[in-house]
Amino acid sequence: MSSVAEGRGFEAPAGSRGRRAVRALFSTGTIFLLLAVLLIWIAALNPNFLEPGPFLAYLKRAAPVVILSAGAYFVLVSGNFDLSVGSLVTVVVVVGARLIDGEAGPTYAVMALLIGLGAGVGLVNGLISTVLRVPSFIATLGMLLILEGAVFLWTGGSPRGALSEEFRTLGRGGIEGIPLIDQLPYSVPLLIAVGAASVALIRSDFGRQLIATGDNDRAARLSGVRVDAVRTLAFVLSGVSAAVAGILLGGFAGVSAQVGQGLEFDAITACVLGGVVLGGGRGSVVAAMAGALTLEALFTLLNLQGVSGALEDTVQGLIIIVAVAFAAYRLRGAR
């Protein structure tokens, strides 16, 4: 209820704020410690990993999921789910390839259109959830199936067209000639920009209202928060992040009708790993993004150890169960 109280304009006592700060540090600091341990472990197996080139390549691989996790954070912290982002990533790549068809001319106009498409899908998800009162899990699961069906109907299972070099450069190219690192991938400054924008949003009035809504939507509504509008905007942000992630993945991985498959679970796993509480009201967007980096580091470590990639889903399932159980235990202890 503390976040709701702040949303009403109440000032918490200094001691209370201090205790909350310590609890927040404990709950989010763990993910950064885990990330550091995994990176050191990888470096022990591959001494070149922490050199600028390989480490930036790791960040480039992780960037789409990190950006996707930032968008998922806004929906989760509001008390909802968005299961449609993986299929939306696929739509972005497939539609982009079909519209561009290898030509450089329409590239940037198509990128803008794809980001608008992401925002539109998010808006529809938000309106279905808030206006029609369809639970977000069901609404976005339905959207996932609609988008997957539309992709299959349009492509017949085999995407047509091609992405231009200008489109692909954003995902796999970079700024050349930088001392010490030679090339800075475009996805890295984009990742930093998304992180900075997400932090600014969550510290704004919108962010405080969003957290208050996830914590107790009835109390937030009584305190003057436009709960439906706030939640709808969270879905729009998730859709835009999925579109940006799709643009990066299209450049990095190429065109495929399965390019976004399972990414919705990667984003949710990353957020849960970063301490975001399912049900809303608690969590840090920076920790959620660190959760995505940790997930990528874990998969990198498993590959170095020769563990089959088929076990990644099993690992994600275990992470979700353990992280949610730990969060529930911690919340019981806080009471």
Protein backbone atom coordinates (compact mmCIF):
# COMPACT_ATOMS: atom_id res chain seq x y z
CA MET A 1 0.00 0.00 0.00
CA SER A 2 3.00 2.30 0.31
CA SER A 3 3.08 3.10 -3.38
CA VAL A 4 -0.64 3.93 -3.30
CA ALA A 5 -0.06 6.26 -0.41
CA GLU A 6 2.65 8.04 -2.35
CA GLY A 7 0.29 8.27 -5.33
CA ARG A 8 -2.18 10.11 -3.06
CA GLY A 9 0.46 12.61 -2.12
CA PHE A 10 1.18 11.31 1.40
CA GLU A 11 4.74 11.62 2.67
CA ALA A 12 6.09 8.47 4.30
CA PRO A 13 8.26 8.79 7.41
CA ALA A 14 12.01 8.83 6.82
CA GLY A 15 12.50 5.58 8.73
CA SER A 16 9.82 3.87 6.65
CA ARG A 17 11.44 5.12 3.43
CA GLY A 18 14.81 3.82 4.65
CA ARG A 19 13.42 0.38 5.40
CA ARG A 20 11.75 0.26 1.98
CA ALA A 21 15.01 1.28 0.32
CA VAL A 22 16.89 -1.52 2.09
CA ARG A 23 14.23 -4.06 1.12
CA ALA A 24 14.28 -2.81 -2.50
CA LEU A 25 18.07 -3.07 -2.62
CA PHE A 26 17.92 -6.60 -1.26
CA SER A 27 15.21 -7.67 -3.69
CA THR A 28 16.84 -6.17 -6.80
CA GLY A 29 20.53 -6.42 -5.89
CA THR A 30 20.47 -10.21 -6.06
CA ILE A 31 20.01 -10.22 -9.82
CA PHE A 32 23.09 -8.03 -10.38
CA LEU A 33 25.15 -10.33 -8.14
CA LEU A 34 23.90 -13.36 -10.10
CA LEU A 35 24.71 -11.63 -13.40
CA ALA A 36 28.24 -10.84 -12.20
CA VAL A 37 28.78 -14.46 -11.09
CA LEU A 38 27.61 -15.80 -14.47
CA LEU A 39 29.80 -13.37 -16.41
CA ILE A 40 32.86 -14.31 -14.32
CA TRP A 41 32.06 -18.00 -14.80
CA ILE A 42 31.80 -17.54 -18.58
CA ALA A 43 35.08 -15.61 -18.57
CA ALA A 44 36.74 -18.47 -16.68
CA LEU A 45 35.68 -20.86 -19.46
CA ASN A 46 36.36 -18.39 -22.26
CA PRO A 47 39.02 -15.83 -21.22
CA ASN A 48 38.29 -13.65 -24.26
CA PHE A 49 34.65 -13.13 -23.27
CA LEU A 50 35.15 -9.93 -21.27
CA GLU A 51 37.20 -8.30 -24.00
CA PRO A 52 35.33 -5.47 -25.77
CA GLY A 53 34.51 -7.37 -28.98
CA PRO A 54 33.05 -10.58 -27.50
CA PHE A 55 31.30 -8.74 -24.67
CA LEU A 56 29.64 -6.30 -27.07
CA ALA A 57 28.58 -9.26 -29.21
CA TYR A 58 26.90 -10.72 -26.11
CA LEU A 59 25.08 -7.42 -25.53
CA LYS A 60 24.01 -7.36 -29.18
CA ARG A 61 22.52 -10.86 -28.87
CA ALA A 62 20.75 -9.93 -25.65
CA ALA A 63 19.45 -6.52 -26.76
CA PRO A 64 16.12 -7.65 -28.31
CA VAL A 65 15.08 -9.62 -25.21
CA VAL A 66 16.27 -6.85 -22.88
CA ILE A 67 14.14 -4.30 -24.76
CA LEU A 68 11.22 -6.73 -24.81
CA SER A 69 11.60 -7.22 -21.04
CA ALA A 70 11.44 -3.47 -20.44
CA GLY A 71 8.08 -3.40 -22.22
CA ALA A 72 6.86 -6.51 -20.39
CA TYR A 73 7.79 -4.86 -17.09
CA PHE A 74 5.24 -2.06 -17.56
CA VAL A 75 2.44 -4.56 -18.16
CA LEU A 76 3.44 -6.92 -15.34
CA VAL A 77 3.89 -4.17 -12.75
CA SER A 78 0.38 -2.92 -13.59
CA GLY A 79 -1.00 -6.33 -12.65
CA ASN A 80 -1.47 -7.74 -16.17
CA PHE A 81 0.21 -10.08 -18.68
CA ASP A 82 1.12 -9.65 -22.35
CA LEU A 83 1.52 -12.99 -24.10
CA SER A 84 1.27 -11.54 -27.61
CA VAL A 85 4.72 -9.93 -27.90
CA GLY A 86 6.49 -12.98 -29.37
CA SER A 87 3.99 -13.32 -32.21
CA LEU A 88 4.11 -9.54 -32.68
CA VAL A 89 7.89 -9.76 -33.17
CA THR A 90 7.29 -12.35 -35.89
CA VAL A 91 4.68 -10.12 -37.56
CA VAL A 92 7.13 -7.19 -37.55
CA VAL A 93 9.85 -9.23 -39.27
CA VAL A 94 7.56 -10.94 -41.79
CA VAL A 95 5.58 -7.81 -42.69
CA GLY A 96 8.78 -5.76 -42.88
CA ALA A 97 10.33 -8.20 -45.32
CA ARG A 98 7.21 -8.30 -47.49
CA LEU A 99 6.81 -4.52 -47.67
CA ILE A 100 10.50 -3.71 -48.18
CA ASP A 101 11.20 -6.64 -50.54
CA GLY A 102 14.92 -5.90 -50.56
CA GLU A 103 14.53 -2.26 -51.65
CA ALA A 104 16.34 0.45 -49.68
CA GLY A 105 13.85 3.23 -50.44
CA PRO A 106 10.93 2.30 -48.19
CA THR A 107 13.08 1.05 -45.29
CA TYR A 108 12.62 3.88 -42.80
CA ALA A 109 8.97 4.46 -43.64
CA VAL A 110 8.33 0.76 -43.07
CA MET A 111 10.18 0.89 -39.75
CA ALA A 112 7.92 3.73 -38.62
CA LEU A 113 4.89 1.77 -39.81
CA LEU A 114 6.02 -1.32 -37.86
CA ILE A 115 6.45 0.68 -34.66
CA GLY A 116 2.97 2.10 -35.23
CA LEU A 117 1.71 -1.46 -35.76
CA GLY A 118 3.22 -2.47 -32.43
CA ALA A 119 1.56 0.47 -30.69
CA GLY A 120 -1.75 -0.42 -32.37
CA VAL A 121 -1.64 -4.06 -31.23
CA GLY A 122 -0.81 -2.88 -27.72
CA LEU A 123 -3.72 -0.44 -27.80
CA VAL A 124 -6.13 -3.19 -28.87
CA ASN A 125 -4.83 -5.47 -26.10
CA GLY A 126 -5.28 -2.69 -23.57
CA LEU A 127 -8.81 -1.81 -24.68
CA ILE A 128 -9.93 -5.45 -24.70
CA SER A 129 -8.56 -5.87 -21.20
CA THR A 130 -9.85 -2.61 -19.71
CA VAL A 131 -13.03 -1.78 -21.63
CA LEU A 132 -14.33 -5.29 -22.30
CA ARG A 133 -12.93 -6.56 -18.96
CA VAL A 134 -11.39 -9.63 -20.57
CA PRO A 135 -8.55 -10.90 -18.33
CA SER A 136 -5.25 -9.83 -19.89
CA PHE A 137 -3.97 -13.41 -19.92
CA ILE A 138 -6.90 -14.46 -22.14
CA ALA A 139 -6.95 -11.28 -24.23
CA THR A 140 -3.27 -11.45 -25.14
CA LEU A 141 -3.34 -15.22 -25.60
CA GLY A 142 -6.12 -14.65 -28.13
CA MET A 143 -4.05 -11.92 -29.80
CA LEU A 144 -1.08 -14.30 -29.95
CA LEU A 145 -3.19 -16.86 -31.82
CA ILE A 146 -4.67 -14.20 -34.13
CA LEU A 147 -1.23 -12.88 -35.08
CA GLU A 148 0.23 -16.36 -35.55
CA GLY A 149 -2.71 -17.33 -37.76
CA ALA A 150 -2.40 -14.13 -39.78
CA VAL A 151 1.31 -14.75 -40.37
CA PHE A 152 0.68 -18.32 -41.50
CA LEU A 153 -2.20 -17.27 -43.75
CA TRP A 154 -0.12 -14.52 -45.37
CA THR A 155 3.07 -16.54 -45.80
CA GLY A 156 1.85 -20.12 -46.07
CA GLY A 157 4.61 -20.94 -43.58
CA SER A 158 7.33 -19.54 -45.84
CA PRO A 159 7.92 -15.76 -45.60
CA ARG A 160 8.29 -13.87 -48.85
CA GLY A 161 10.29 -10.75 -49.59
CA ALA A 162 13.58 -9.66 -48.05
CA LEU A 163 14.89 -7.05 -45.64
CA SER A 164 17.09 -4.34 -47.07
CA GLU A 165 20.69 -3.88 -45.94
CA GLU A 166 19.66 -0.59 -44.32
CA PHE A 167 17.08 -2.46 -42.22
CA ARG A 168 19.50 -5.22 -41.25
CA THR A 169 22.27 -2.80 -40.33
CA LEU A 170 20.44 -1.70 -37.18
CA GLY A 171 20.48 -5.25 -35.82
CA ARG A 172 23.89 -6.44 -36.95
CA GLY A 173 25.91 -3.32 -37.79
CA GLY A 174 27.55 -0.67 -35.65
CA ILE A 175 29.54 2.54 -35.38
CA GLU A 176 33.00 1.89 -36.77
CA GLY A 177 36.41 3.21 -35.81
CA ILE A 178 35.88 3.67 -32.07
CA PRO A 179 39.18 3.38 -30.16
CA LEU A 180 39.70 0.18 -28.15
CA ILE A 181 36.45 -1.47 -29.27
CA ASP A 182 36.63 -0.94 -33.08
CA GLN A 183 32.84 -1.22 -33.50
CA LEU A 184 29.98 -0.22 -31.21
CA PRO A 185 26.85 -2.17 -32.25
CA TYR A 186 23.86 0.08 -32.90
CA SER A 187 21.78 -2.13 -30.62
CA VAL A 188 23.89 -1.20 -27.56
CA PRO A 189 23.18 2.58 -27.52
CA LEU A 190 19.58 1.74 -28.44
CA LEU A 191 19.45 -0.59 -25.45
CA ILE A 192 20.83 2.15 -23.19
CA ALA A 193 18.32 4.67 -24.59
CA VAL A 194 15.41 2.31 -23.93
CA GLY A 195 16.68 1.72 -20.40
CA ALA A 196 17.01 5.45 -19.72
CA ALA A 197 13.56 6.16 -21.14
CA SER A 198 12.03 3.34 -19.08
CA VAL A 199 13.61 4.64 -15.87
CA ALA A 200 12.39 8.17 -16.64
CA LEU A 201 8.86 6.85 -17.27
CA ILE A 202 8.69 4.82 -14.08
CA ARG A 203 9.88 7.81 -12.05
CA SER A 204 7.28 10.08 -13.62
CA ASP A 205 3.69 10.57 -12.47
CA PHE A 206 2.68 7.87 -14.94
CA GLY A 207 5.11 5.40 -13.35
CA ARG A 208 3.89 6.13 -9.84
CA GLN A 209 0.29 5.72 -10.97
CA LEU A 210 1.18 2.49 -12.76
CA ILE A 211 2.77 0.98 -9.64
CA ALA A 212 -0.12 2.17 -7.49
CA THR A 213 -2.55 0.54 -9.93
CA GLY A 214 -0.71 -2.77 -9.78
CA ASP A 215 -0.49 -2.61 -6.00
CA ASN A 216 -4.19 -1.90 -5.43
CA ASP A 217 -6.25 -0.78 -8.38
CA ARG A 218 -9.31 0.05 -6.31
CA ALA A 219 -7.38 2.34 -3.96
CA ALA A 220 -5.61 3.90 -6.97
CA ARG A 221 -8.95 4.58 -8.65
CA LEU A 222 -10.33 6.18 -5.48
CA SER A 223 -7.25 8.41 -5.27
CA GLY A 224 -7.93 9.78 -8.75
CA VAL A 225 -5.76 7.52 -10.95
CA ARG A 226 -7.26 6.78 -14.37
CA VAL A 227 -6.59 3.08 -13.98
CA ASP A 228 -7.87 1.94 -17.38
CA ALA A 229 -5.87 4.60 -19.25
CA VAL A 230 -2.70 3.80 -17.31
CA ARG A 231 -3.01 0.07 -17.98
CA THR A 232 -3.79 0.63 -21.66
CA LEU A 233 -0.70 2.81 -22.04
CA ALA A 234 1.36 0.02 -20.44
CA PHE A 235 0.17 -2.35 -23.19
CA VAL A 236 1.03 0.25 -25.83
CA LEU A 237 4.58 0.51 -24.43
CA SER A 238 4.85 -3.27 -24.52
CA GLY A 239 3.74 -3.33 -28.16
CA VAL A 240 6.24 -0.64 -29.14
CA SER A 241 9.06 -2.50 -27.37
CA ALA A 242 8.09 -5.67 -29.25
CA ALA A 243 8.24 -3.77 -32.56
CA VAL A 244 11.71 -2.40 -31.75
CA ALA A 245 12.86 -5.87 -30.68
CA GLY A 246 11.49 -7.28 -33.94
CA ILE A 247 13.40 -4.72 -35.99
CA LEU A 248 16.62 -5.67 -34.20
CA LEU A 249 15.96 -9.41 -34.53
CA GLY A 250 15.14 -9.06 -38.22
CA GLY A 251 18.53 -7.48 -38.74
CA PHE A 252 20.38 -9.90 -36.49
CA ALA A 253 18.69 -13.23 -37.28
CA GLY A 254 17.04 -12.67 -40.65
CA VAL A 255 13.51 -13.46 -41.82
CA SER A 256 11.69 -16.45 -40.36
CA ALA A 257 8.11 -17.31 -39.50
CA GLN A 258 9.35 -18.54 -36.10
CA VAL A 259 11.68 -15.66 -35.22
CA GLY A 260 9.57 -14.50 -32.27
CA GLN A 261 8.46 -17.90 -31.02
CA GLY A 262 8.69 -18.15 -27.24
CA LEU A 263 10.00 -14.61 -26.72
CA GLU A 264 6.99 -13.73 -24.57
CA PHE A 265 8.16 -16.32 -22.05
CA ASP A 266 11.75 -15.04 -22.26
CA ALA A 267 10.50 -11.56 -21.33
CA ILE A 268 8.33 -12.80 -18.46
CA THR A 269 11.16 -15.03 -17.18
CA ALA A 270 13.58 -12.09 -17.28
CA CYS A 271 11.18 -9.86 -15.33
CA VAL A 272 10.49 -12.53 -12.72
CA LEU A 273 14.20 -13.24 -12.44
CA GLY A 274 14.70 -9.50 -11.85
CA GLY A 275 12.25 -9.54 -8.94
CA VAL A 276 9.09 -8.24 -10.62
CA VAL A 277 6.15 -9.65 -8.67
CA LEU A 278 3.45 -11.29 -10.78
CA GLY A 279 0.24 -9.61 -9.75
CA GLY A 280 1.74 -6.12 -9.95
CA GLY A 281 2.84 -3.30 -7.75
CA ARG A 282 6.45 -4.28 -7.13
CA GLY A 283 9.61 -4.47 -9.19
CA SER A 284 12.36 -2.46 -10.87
CA VAL A 285 12.61 -1.94 -14.61
CA VAL A 286 16.43 -1.89 -14.39
CA ALA A 287 16.38 -5.22 -12.54
CA ALA A 288 13.98 -6.64 -15.16
CA MET A 289 16.41 -5.67 -17.92
CA ALA A 290 19.28 -7.14 -15.88
CA GLY A 291 17.19 -10.31 -15.67
CA ALA A 292 17.23 -10.52 -19.46
CA LEU A 293 21.01 -10.08 -19.50
CA THR A 294 21.28 -12.80 -16.86
CA LEU A 295 19.09 -15.13 -18.90
CA GLU A 296 21.29 -14.61 -21.98
CA ALA A 297 24.41 -15.16 -19.85
CA LEU A 298 22.93 -18.37 -18.47
CA PHE A 299 22.18 -19.71 -21.94
CA THR A 300 25.68 -18.72 -23.08
CA LEU A 301 27.13 -20.64 -20.14
CA LEU A 302 25.02 -23.70 -20.91
CA ASN A 303 26.25 -23.62 -24.52
CA LEU A 304 29.86 -23.41 -23.36
CA GLN A 305 29.25 -26.38 -21.09
CA GLY A 306 27.88 -28.37 -24.01
CA VAL A 307 24.36 -28.55 -22.57
CA SER A 308 21.68 -29.09 -25.21
CA GLY A 309 19.76 -26.00 -26.26
CA ALA A 310 16.60 -28.09 -25.98
CA LEU A 311 16.90 -27.74 -22.20
CA GLU A 312 16.47 -23.96 -22.32
CA ASP A 313 12.69 -24.23 -21.91
CA THR A 314 13.18 -26.51 -18.91
CA VAL A 315 15.59 -24.03 -17.36
CA GLN A 316 13.15 -21.16 -17.93
CA GLY A 317 10.33 -23.12 -16.35
CA LEU A 318 12.43 -23.83 -13.27
CA ILE A 319 13.48 -20.18 -13.05
CA ILE A 320 9.85 -18.98 -13.13
CA ILE A 321 8.72 -21.48 -10.46
CA VAL A 322 11.65 -20.81 -8.11
CA ALA A 323 11.62 -17.02 -8.57
CA VAL A 324 7.85 -16.72 -8.04
CA ALA A 325 8.01 -19.02 -4.99
CA PHE A 326 10.86 -16.95 -3.55
CA ALA A 327 8.97 -13.70 -4.18
CA ALA A 328 5.86 -15.09 -2.47
CA TYR A 329 7.96 -16.17 0.51
CA ARG A 330 9.59 -12.75 0.72
CA LEU A 331 6.24 -10.98 0.59
CA ARG A 332 4.86 -13.19 3.37
CA GLY A 333 7.90 -12.34 5.45
CA ALA A 334 7.40 -8.60 4.81
CA ARG A 335 3.92 -8.83 6.29
